[in-house]
PDB file of N, CA and C in Angstrom:
ATOM      1  N   UNK A   1       3.403   5.441 -23.841  1.00  0.00           N
ATOM      2  CA  UNK A   1       3.161   4.161 -23.190  1.00  0.00           C
ATOM      3  C   UNK A   1       4.309   3.865 -22.225  1.00  0.00           C
ATOM      4  N   UNK A   2       4.009   3.553 -20.955  1.00  0.00           N
ATOM      5  CA  UNK A   2       5.079   3.281 -19.990  1.00  0.00           C
ATOM      6  C   UNK A   2       5.780   1.958 -20.305  1.00  0.00           C
ATOM      7  N   UNK A   3       7.027   1.902 -19.915  1.00  0.00           N
ATOM      8  CA  UNK A   3       7.762   0.666 -20.152  1.00  0.00           C
ATOM      9  C   UNK A   3       7.298  -0.410 -19.174  1.00  0.00           C
ATOM     10  N   UNK A   4       7.527  -1.677 -19.520  1.00  0.00           N
ATOM     11  CA  UNK A   4       7.097  -2.778 -18.638  1.00  0.00           C
ATOM     12  C   UNK A   4       7.800  -2.715 -17.284  1.00  0.00           C
ATOM     13  N   UNK A   5       7.089  -3.138 -16.258  1.00  0.00           N
ATOM     14  CA  UNK A   5       7.632  -3.141 -14.902  1.00  0.00           C
ATOM     15  C   UNK A   5       8.694  -4.216 -14.762  1.00  0.00           C
ATOM     16  N   UNK A   6       9.844  -3.849 -14.217  1.00  0.00           N
ATOM     17  CA  UNK A   6      10.939  -4.784 -14.005  1.00  0.00           C
ATOM     18  C   UNK A   6      10.627  -5.704 -12.836  1.00  0.00           C
ATOM     19  N   UNK A   7      10.953  -6.978 -12.962  1.00  0.00           N
ATOM     20  CA  UNK A   7      10.748  -7.933 -11.877  1.00  0.00           C
ATOM     21  C   UNK A   7      11.694  -7.627 -10.730  1.00  0.00           C
ATOM     22  N   UNK A   8      11.186  -7.786  -9.513  1.00  0.00           N
ATOM     23  CA  UNK A   8      12.003  -7.574  -8.319  1.00  0.00           C
ATOM     24  C   UNK A   8      12.335  -8.922  -7.695  1.00  0.00           C
ATOM     25  N   UNK A   9      13.547  -9.024  -7.150  1.00  0.00           N
ATOM     26  CA  UNK A   9      13.927 -10.245  -6.434  1.00  0.00           C
ATOM     27  C   UNK A   9      13.420 -10.132  -5.006  1.00  0.00           C
ATOM     28  N   UNK A  10      12.630 -11.106  -4.610  1.00  0.00           N
ATOM     29  CA  UNK A  10      12.079 -11.124  -3.261  1.00  0.00           C
ATOM     30  C   UNK A  10      12.541 -12.383  -2.548  1.00  0.00           C
ATOM     31  N   UNK A  11      12.856 -12.234  -1.272  1.00  0.00           N
ATOM     32  CA  UNK A  11      13.372 -13.361  -0.492  1.00  0.00           C
ATOM     33  C   UNK A  11      12.474 -13.713   0.682  1.00  0.00           C
ATOM     34  N   UNK A  12      11.513 -12.856   0.990  1.00  0.00           N
ATOM     35  CA  UNK A  12      10.662 -13.027   2.165  1.00  0.00           C
ATOM     36  C   UNK A  12       9.243 -13.322   1.716  1.00  0.00           C
ATOM     37  N   UNK A  13       8.650 -14.348   2.303  1.00  0.00           N
ATOM     38  CA  UNK A  13       7.261 -14.680   2.021  1.00  0.00           C
ATOM     39  C   UNK A  13       6.502 -14.648   3.344  1.00  0.00           C
ATOM     40  N   UNK A  14       5.643 -13.625   3.549  1.00  0.00           N
ATOM     41  CA  UNK A  14       4.955 -13.510   4.838  1.00  0.00           C
ATOM     42  C   UNK A  14       4.055 -14.706   5.131  1.00  0.00           C
ATOM     43  N   UNK A  15       3.976 -15.080   6.399  1.00  0.00           N
ATOM     44  CA  UNK A  15       3.155 -16.227   6.816  1.00  0.00           C
ATOM     45  C   UNK A  15       1.694 -15.839   6.998  1.00  0.00           C
ATOM     46  N   UNK A  16       1.432 -14.584   7.154  1.00  0.00           N
ATOM     47  CA  UNK A  16       0.055 -14.114   7.322  1.00  0.00           C
ATOM     48  C   UNK A  16      -0.279 -13.165   6.170  1.00  0.00           C
ATOM     49  N   UNK A  17      -1.579 -12.931   5.965  1.00  0.00           N
ATOM     50  CA  UNK A  17      -1.932 -12.014   4.890  1.00  0.00           C
ATOM     51  C   UNK A  17      -2.934 -10.936   5.321  1.00  0.00           C
ATOM     52  N   UNK A  18      -3.236 -10.844   6.615  1.00  0.00           N
ATOM     53  CA  UNK A  18      -4.141  -9.799   7.109  1.00  0.00           C
ATOM     54  C   UNK A  18      -3.751  -9.328   8.504  1.00  0.00           C
ATOM     55  N   UNK A  19      -3.878  -8.030   8.742  1.00  0.00           N
ATOM     56  CA  UNK A  19      -3.863  -7.431  10.074  1.00  0.00           C
ATOM     57  C   UNK A  19      -5.109  -6.565  10.138  1.00  0.00           C
ATOM     58  N   UNK A  20      -5.770  -6.579  11.297  1.00  0.00           N
ATOM     59  CA  UNK A  20      -6.958  -5.742  11.432  1.00  0.00           C
ATOM     60  C   UNK A  20      -7.114  -5.297  12.875  1.00  0.00           C
ATOM     61  N   UNK A  21      -7.860  -4.202  13.066  1.00  0.00           N
ATOM     62  CA  UNK A  21      -8.151  -3.775  14.438  1.00  0.00           C
ATOM     63  C   UNK A  21      -8.975  -4.841  15.165  1.00  0.00           C
ATOM     64  N   UNK A  22      -8.701  -5.033  16.429  1.00  0.00           N
ATOM     65  CA  UNK A  22      -9.408  -6.038  17.221  1.00  0.00           C
ATOM     66  C   UNK A  22     -10.856  -5.600  17.456  1.00  0.00           C
ATOM     67  N   UNK A  23     -11.746  -6.571  17.464  1.00  0.00           N
ATOM     68  CA  UNK A  23     -13.130  -6.315  17.817  1.00  0.00           C
ATOM     69  C   UNK A  23     -14.026  -5.825  16.693  1.00  0.00           C
ATOM     70  N   UNK A  24     -13.472  -5.645  15.507  1.00  0.00           N
ATOM     71  CA  UNK A  24     -14.277  -5.195  14.369  1.00  0.00           C
ATOM     72  C   UNK A  24     -14.219  -6.276  13.301  1.00  0.00           C
ATOM     73  N   UNK A  25     -15.377  -6.753  12.837  1.00  0.00           N
ATOM     74  CA  UNK A  25     -15.357  -7.789  11.798  1.00  0.00           C
ATOM     75  C   UNK A  25     -14.671  -7.280  10.523  1.00  0.00           C
ATOM     76  N   UNK A  26     -13.935  -8.157   9.870  1.00  0.00           N
ATOM     77  CA  UNK A  26     -13.194  -7.792   8.665  1.00  0.00           C
ATOM     78  C   UNK A  26     -14.105  -7.220   7.590  1.00  0.00           C
ATOM     79  N   UNK A  27     -15.315  -7.765   7.473  1.00  0.00           N
ATOM     80  CA  UNK A  27     -16.222  -7.287   6.429  1.00  0.00           C
ATOM     81  C   UNK A  27     -16.680  -5.847   6.671  1.00  0.00           C
ATOM     82  N   UNK A  28     -16.526  -5.351   7.885  1.00  0.00           N
ATOM     83  CA  UNK A  28     -16.918  -3.978   8.207  1.00  0.00           C
ATOM     84  C   UNK A  28     -15.783  -2.978   8.018  1.00  0.00           C
ATOM     85  N   UNK A  29     -14.599  -3.460   7.671  1.00  0.00           N
ATOM     86  CA  UNK A  29     -13.422  -2.601   7.551  1.00  0.00           C
ATOM     87  C   UNK A  29     -13.041  -2.340   6.102  1.00  0.00           C
ATOM     88  N   UNK A  30     -12.489  -1.150   5.872  1.00  0.00           N
ATOM     89  CA  UNK A  30     -11.833  -0.881   4.592  1.00  0.00           C
ATOM     90  C   UNK A  30     -10.482  -1.582   4.630  1.00  0.00           C
ATOM     91  N   UNK A  31      -9.977  -1.950   3.458  1.00  0.00           N
ATOM     92  CA  UNK A  31      -8.681  -2.634   3.377  1.00  0.00           C
ATOM     93  C   UNK A  31      -7.662  -1.772   2.657  1.00  0.00           C
ATOM     94  N   UNK A  32      -6.421  -1.888   3.095  1.00  0.00           N
ATOM     95  CA  UNK A  32      -5.278  -1.304   2.414  1.00  0.00           C
ATOM     96  C   UNK A  32      -4.397  -2.483   2.017  1.00  0.00           C
ATOM     97  N   UNK A  33      -4.030  -2.571   0.746  1.00  0.00           N
ATOM     98  CA  UNK A  33      -3.238  -3.717   0.289  1.00  0.00           C
ATOM     99  C   UNK A  33      -1.766  -3.348   0.118  1.00  0.00           C
ATOM    100  N   UNK A  34      -0.905  -4.121   0.787  1.00  0.00           N
ATOM    101  CA  UNK A  34       0.540  -3.984   0.623  1.00  0.00           C
ATOM    102  C   UNK A  34       1.019  -5.035  -0.364  1.00  0.00           C
ATOM    103  N   UNK A  35       1.855  -4.625  -1.300  1.00  0.00           N
ATOM    104  CA  UNK A  35       2.426  -5.581  -2.245  1.00  0.00           C
ATOM    105  C   UNK A  35       3.566  -6.346  -1.575  1.00  0.00           C
ATOM    106  N   UNK A  36       3.964  -7.426  -2.196  1.00  0.00           N
ATOM    107  CA  UNK A  36       5.074  -8.218  -1.649  1.00  0.00           C
ATOM    108  C   UNK A  36       6.351  -7.404  -1.584  1.00  0.00           C
ATOM    109  N   UNK A  37       6.611  -6.593  -2.607  1.00  0.00           N
ATOM    110  CA  UNK A  37       7.842  -5.797  -2.572  1.00  0.00           C
ATOM    111  C   UNK A  37       7.790  -4.716  -1.504  1.00  0.00           C
ATOM    112  N   UNK A  38       6.610  -4.192  -1.202  1.00  0.00           N
ATOM    113  CA  UNK A  38       6.495  -3.217  -0.118  1.00  0.00           C
ATOM    114  C   UNK A  38       6.787  -3.867   1.235  1.00  0.00           C
ATOM    115  N   UNK A  39       6.269  -5.063   1.448  1.00  0.00           N
ATOM    116  CA  UNK A  39       6.527  -5.784   2.697  1.00  0.00           C
ATOM    117  C   UNK A  39       8.015  -6.120   2.816  1.00  0.00           C
ATOM    118  N   UNK A  40       8.614  -6.577   1.726  1.00  0.00           N
ATOM    119  CA  UNK A  40      10.049  -6.910   1.716  1.00  0.00           C
ATOM    120  C   UNK A  40      10.883  -5.670   2.051  1.00  0.00           C
ATOM    121  N   UNK A  41      10.566  -4.554   1.423  1.00  0.00           N
ATOM    122  CA  UNK A  41      11.330  -3.328   1.656  1.00  0.00           C
ATOM    123  C   UNK A  41      11.202  -2.863   3.108  1.00  0.00           C
ATOM    124  N   UNK A  42       9.998  -2.865   3.650  1.00  0.00           N
ATOM    125  CA  UNK A  42       9.784  -2.465   5.051  1.00  0.00           C
ATOM    126  C   UNK A  42      10.553  -3.391   5.990  1.00  0.00           C
ATOM    127  N   UNK A  43      10.504  -4.679   5.721  1.00  0.00           N
ATOM    128  CA  UNK A  43      11.211  -5.653   6.563  1.00  0.00           C
ATOM    129  C   UNK A  43      12.714  -5.380   6.563  1.00  0.00           C
ATOM    130  N   UNK A  44      13.293  -5.199   5.392  1.00  0.00           N
ATOM    131  CA  UNK A  44      14.739  -5.022   5.291  1.00  0.00           C
ATOM    132  C   UNK A  44      15.215  -3.675   5.837  1.00  0.00           C
ATOM    133  N   UNK A  45      14.459  -2.616   5.578  1.00  0.00           N
ATOM    134  CA  UNK A  45      14.863  -1.278   6.032  1.00  0.00           C
ATOM    135  C   UNK A  45      14.565  -1.072   7.511  1.00  0.00           C
ATOM    136  N   UNK A  46      13.316  -1.302   7.915  1.00  0.00           N
ATOM    137  CA  UNK A  46      12.904  -0.941   9.271  1.00  0.00           C
ATOM    138  C   UNK A  46      13.183  -2.020  10.310  1.00  0.00           C
ATOM    139  N   UNK A  47      13.128  -3.271   9.923  1.00  0.00           N
ATOM    140  CA  UNK A  47      13.341  -4.352  10.887  1.00  0.00           C
ATOM    141  C   UNK A  47      14.808  -4.774  10.939  1.00  0.00           C
ATOM    142  N   UNK A  48      15.403  -4.985   9.777  1.00  0.00           N
ATOM    143  CA  UNK A  48      16.797  -5.444   9.722  1.00  0.00           C
ATOM    144  C   UNK A  48      17.806  -4.305   9.647  1.00  0.00           C
ATOM    145  N   UNK A  49      17.332  -3.067   9.518  1.00  0.00           N
ATOM    146  CA  UNK A  49      18.172  -1.856   9.538  1.00  0.00           C
ATOM    147  C   UNK A  49      19.271  -1.865   8.475  1.00  0.00           C
ATOM    148  N   UNK A  50      18.940  -2.336   7.281  1.00  0.00           N
ATOM    149  CA  UNK A  50      19.917  -2.340   6.185  1.00  0.00           C
ATOM    150  C   UNK A  50      19.790  -1.036   5.406  1.00  0.00           C
ATOM    151  N   UNK A  51      20.825  -0.692   4.651  1.00  0.00           N
ATOM    152  CA  UNK A  51      20.811   0.552   3.882  1.00  0.00           C
ATOM    153  C   UNK A  51      19.993   0.398   2.604  1.00  0.00           C
ATOM    154  N   UNK A  52      19.470   1.525   2.129  1.00  0.00           N
ATOM    155  CA  UNK A  52      18.692   1.490   0.895  1.00  0.00           C
ATOM    156  C   UNK A  52      19.540   1.032  -0.289  1.00  0.00           C
ATOM    157  N   UNK A  53      20.787   1.440  -0.326  1.00  0.00           N
ATOM    158  CA  UNK A  53      21.671   1.039  -1.422  1.00  0.00           C
ATOM    159  C   UNK A  53      21.863  -0.472  -1.427  1.00  0.00           C
ATOM    160  N   UNK A  54      22.112  -1.045  -0.269  1.00  0.00           N
ATOM    161  CA  UNK A  54      22.306  -2.489  -0.132  1.00  0.00           C
ATOM    162  C   UNK A  54      21.054  -3.258  -0.549  1.00  0.00           C
ATOM    163  N   UNK A  55      19.911  -2.790  -0.107  1.00  0.00           N
ATOM    164  CA  UNK A  55      18.653  -3.479  -0.410  1.00  0.00           C
ATOM    165  C   UNK A  55      18.297  -3.349  -1.884  1.00  0.00           C
ATOM    166  N   UNK A  56      18.526  -2.169  -2.467  1.00  0.00           N
ATOM    167  CA  UNK A  56      18.241  -1.982  -3.892  1.00  0.00           C
ATOM    168  C   UNK A  56      19.049  -2.966  -4.731  1.00  0.00           C
ATOM    169  N   UNK A  57      20.316  -3.152  -4.383  1.00  0.00           N
ATOM    170  CA  UNK A  57      21.143  -4.125  -5.106  1.00  0.00           C
ATOM    171  C   UNK A  57      20.606  -5.535  -4.923  1.00  0.00           C
ATOM    172  N   UNK A  58      20.211  -5.873  -3.699  1.00  0.00           N
ATOM    173  CA  UNK A  58      19.703  -7.209  -3.399  1.00  0.00           C
ATOM    174  C   UNK A  58      18.409  -7.490  -4.159  1.00  0.00           C
ATOM    175  N   UNK A  59      17.525  -6.489  -4.242  1.00  0.00           N
ATOM    176  CA  UNK A  59      16.248  -6.663  -4.936  1.00  0.00           C
ATOM    177  C   UNK A  59      16.363  -6.449  -6.447  1.00  0.00           C
ATOM    178  N   UNK A  60      17.555  -6.017  -6.889  1.00  0.00           N
ATOM    179  CA  UNK A  60      17.847  -5.747  -8.303  1.00  0.00           C
ATOM    180  C   UNK A  60      16.955  -4.646  -8.876  1.00  0.00           C
ATOM    181  N   UNK A  61      16.858  -3.546  -8.101  1.00  0.00           N
ATOM    182  CA  UNK A  61      16.132  -2.357  -8.534  1.00  0.00           C
ATOM    183  C   UNK A  61      16.998  -1.144  -8.209  1.00  0.00           C
ATOM    184  N   UNK A  62      16.623   0.014  -8.745  1.00  0.00           N
ATOM    185  CA  UNK A  62      17.379   1.225  -8.444  1.00  0.00           C
ATOM    186  C   UNK A  62      17.008   1.740  -7.051  1.00  0.00           C
ATOM    187  N   UNK A  63      17.885   2.555  -6.493  1.00  0.00           N
ATOM    188  CA  UNK A  63      17.628   3.130  -5.177  1.00  0.00           C
ATOM    189  C   UNK A  63      16.410   4.064  -5.208  1.00  0.00           C
ATOM    190  N   UNK A  64      16.227   4.889  -6.259  1.00  0.00           N
ATOM    191  CA  UNK A  64      15.005   5.710  -6.307  1.00  0.00           C
ATOM    192  C   UNK A  64      13.716   4.870  -6.367  1.00  0.00           C
ATOM    193  N   UNK A  65      13.759   3.737  -7.054  1.00  0.00           N
ATOM    194  CA  UNK A  65      12.594   2.851  -7.103  1.00  0.00           C
ATOM    195  C   UNK A  65      12.311   2.301  -5.712  1.00  0.00           C
ATOM    196  N   UNK A  66      13.345   1.882  -5.007  1.00  0.00           N
ATOM    197  CA  UNK A  66      13.180   1.394  -3.641  1.00  0.00           C
ATOM    198  C   UNK A  66      12.589   2.485  -2.753  1.00  0.00           C
ATOM    199  N   UNK A  67      13.061   3.693  -2.913  1.00  0.00           N
ATOM    200  CA  UNK A  67      12.554   4.812  -2.125  1.00  0.00           C
ATOM    201  C   UNK A  67      11.063   5.017  -2.378  1.00  0.00           C
ATOM    202  N   UNK A  68      10.629   4.932  -3.634  1.00  0.00           N
ATOM    203  CA  UNK A  68       9.203   5.073  -3.957  1.00  0.00           C
ATOM    204  C   UNK A  68       8.383   3.941  -3.340  1.00  0.00           C
ATOM    205  N   UNK A  69       8.921   2.718  -3.353  1.00  0.00           N
ATOM    206  CA  UNK A  69       8.240   1.568  -2.749  1.00  0.00           C
ATOM    207  C   UNK A  69       8.069   1.796  -1.244  1.00  0.00           C
ATOM    208  N   UNK A  70       9.117   2.277  -0.586  1.00  0.00           N
ATOM    209  CA  UNK A  70       9.060   2.545   0.859  1.00  0.00           C
ATOM    210  C   UNK A  70       8.047   3.634   1.194  1.00  0.00           C
ATOM    211  N   UNK A  71       8.031   4.702   0.423  1.00  0.00           N
ATOM    212  CA  UNK A  71       7.078   5.793   0.665  1.00  0.00           C
ATOM    213  C   UNK A  71       5.656   5.269   0.548  1.00  0.00           C
ATOM    214  N   UNK A  72       5.397   4.475  -0.484  1.00  0.00           N
ATOM    215  CA  UNK A  72       4.073   3.907  -0.695  1.00  0.00           C
ATOM    216  C   UNK A  72       3.674   3.003   0.475  1.00  0.00           C
ATOM    217  N   UNK A  73       4.590   2.124   0.889  1.00  0.00           N
ATOM    218  CA  UNK A  73       4.296   1.190   1.982  1.00  0.00           C
ATOM    219  C   UNK A  73       4.034   1.936   3.289  1.00  0.00           C
ATOM    220  N   UNK A  74       4.859   2.904   3.593  1.00  0.00           N
ATOM    221  CA  UNK A  74       4.695   3.649   4.849  1.00  0.00           C
ATOM    222  C   UNK A  74       3.407   4.465   4.850  1.00  0.00           C
ATOM    223  N   UNK A  75       3.029   5.026   3.698  1.00  0.00           N
ATOM    224  CA  UNK A  75       1.761   5.758   3.611  1.00  0.00           C
ATOM    225  C   UNK A  75       0.585   4.826   3.861  1.00  0.00           C
ATOM    226  N   UNK A  76       0.621   3.642   3.287  1.00  0.00           N
ATOM    227  CA  UNK A  76      -0.462   2.677   3.464  1.00  0.00           C
ATOM    228  C   UNK A  76      -0.558   2.214   4.917  1.00  0.00           C
ATOM    229  N   UNK A  77       0.582   1.952   5.535  1.00  0.00           N
ATOM    230  CA  UNK A  77       0.593   1.510   6.938  1.00  0.00           C
ATOM    231  C   UNK A  77       0.074   2.618   7.848  1.00  0.00           C
ATOM    232  N   UNK A  78       0.511   3.847   7.616  1.00  0.00           N
ATOM    233  CA  UNK A  78       0.034   4.973   8.421  1.00  0.00           C
ATOM    234  C   UNK A  78      -1.474   5.161   8.247  1.00  0.00           C
ATOM    235  N   UNK A  79      -1.960   5.069   7.020  1.00  0.00           N
ATOM    236  CA  UNK A  79      -3.395   5.202   6.744  1.00  0.00           C
ATOM    237  C   UNK A  79      -4.190   4.146   7.516  1.00  0.00           C
ATOM    238  N   UNK A  80      -3.708   2.921   7.499  1.00  0.00           N
ATOM    239  CA  UNK A  80      -4.449   1.854   8.173  1.00  0.00           C
ATOM    240  C   UNK A  80      -4.418   2.020   9.697  1.00  0.00           C
ATOM    241  N   UNK A  81      -3.299   2.443  10.256  1.00  0.00           N
ATOM    242  CA  UNK A  81      -3.211   2.635  11.710  1.00  0.00           C
ATOM    243  C   UNK A  81      -4.040   3.830  12.177  1.00  0.00           C
ATOM    244  N   UNK A  82      -3.947   4.937  11.474  1.00  0.00           N
ATOM    245  CA  UNK A  82      -4.646   6.161  11.885  1.00  0.00           C
ATOM    246  C   UNK A  82      -6.147   6.053  11.646  1.00  0.00           C
ATOM    247  N   UNK A  83      -6.538   5.433  10.533  1.00  0.00           N
ATOM    248  CA  UNK A  83      -7.947   5.390  10.151  1.00  0.00           C
ATOM    249  C   UNK A  83      -8.632   4.056  10.428  1.00  0.00           C
ATOM    250  N   UNK A  84      -7.957   3.140  11.117  1.00  0.00           N
ATOM    251  CA  UNK A  84      -8.563   1.878  11.520  1.00  0.00           C
ATOM    252  C   UNK A  84      -8.921   0.953  10.363  1.00  0.00           C
ATOM    253  N   UNK A  85      -8.036   0.853   9.386  1.00  0.00           N
ATOM    254  CA  UNK A  85      -8.281  -0.016   8.236  1.00  0.00           C
ATOM    255  C   UNK A  85      -7.513  -1.326   8.393  1.00  0.00           C
ATOM    256  N   UNK A  86      -7.993  -2.357   7.717  1.00  0.00           N
ATOM    257  CA  UNK A  86      -7.292  -3.643   7.709  1.00  0.00           C
ATOM    258  C   UNK A  86      -6.139  -3.559   6.711  1.00  0.00           C
ATOM    259  N   UNK A  87      -5.057  -4.287   6.995  1.00  0.00           N
ATOM    260  CA  UNK A  87      -3.931  -4.385   6.069  1.00  0.00           C
ATOM    261  C   UNK A  87      -3.955  -5.763   5.439  1.00  0.00           C
ATOM    262  N   UNK A  88      -4.075  -5.798   4.128  1.00  0.00           N
ATOM    263  CA  UNK A  88      -4.039  -7.051   3.372  1.00  0.00           C
ATOM    264  C   UNK A  88      -2.695  -7.135   2.677  1.00  0.00           C
ATOM    265  N   UNK A  89      -2.017  -8.276   2.844  1.00  0.00           N
ATOM    266  CA  UNK A  89      -0.717  -8.478   2.206  1.00  0.00           C
ATOM    267  C   UNK A  89      -0.918  -9.357   0.980  1.00  0.00           C
ATOM    268  N   UNK A  90      -0.469  -8.859  -0.162  1.00  0.00           N
ATOM    269  CA  UNK A  90      -0.597  -9.574  -1.423  1.00  0.00           C
ATOM    270  C   UNK A  90       0.005 -10.969  -1.329  1.00  0.00           C
ATOM    271  N   UNK A  91      -0.683 -11.951  -1.925  1.00  0.00           N
ATOM    272  CA  UNK A  91      -0.180 -13.320  -1.897  1.00  0.00           C
ATOM    273  C   UNK A  91       0.785 -13.579  -3.008  1.00  0.00           C
TER     274      UNK A  91
END
């Protein structure tokens, strides 16, 4: 049995919860869901250019856990851009 998931400290709350390709109704699109921690990690690493070590400490998680979160988020974003899927951000 896996151990319980550790809570992550999050500081960013996105103002929007969907991105989609223009001109296609949302109901006609597949969705890819990003978790709050994935959005936070992408924001801090790719937008604010902070180090993984610094962010892992801030979010109170290990650096390998942060790395797994980033890989997951980037895969989902790439899938949605390449395959024309909507991105739903967890509330």
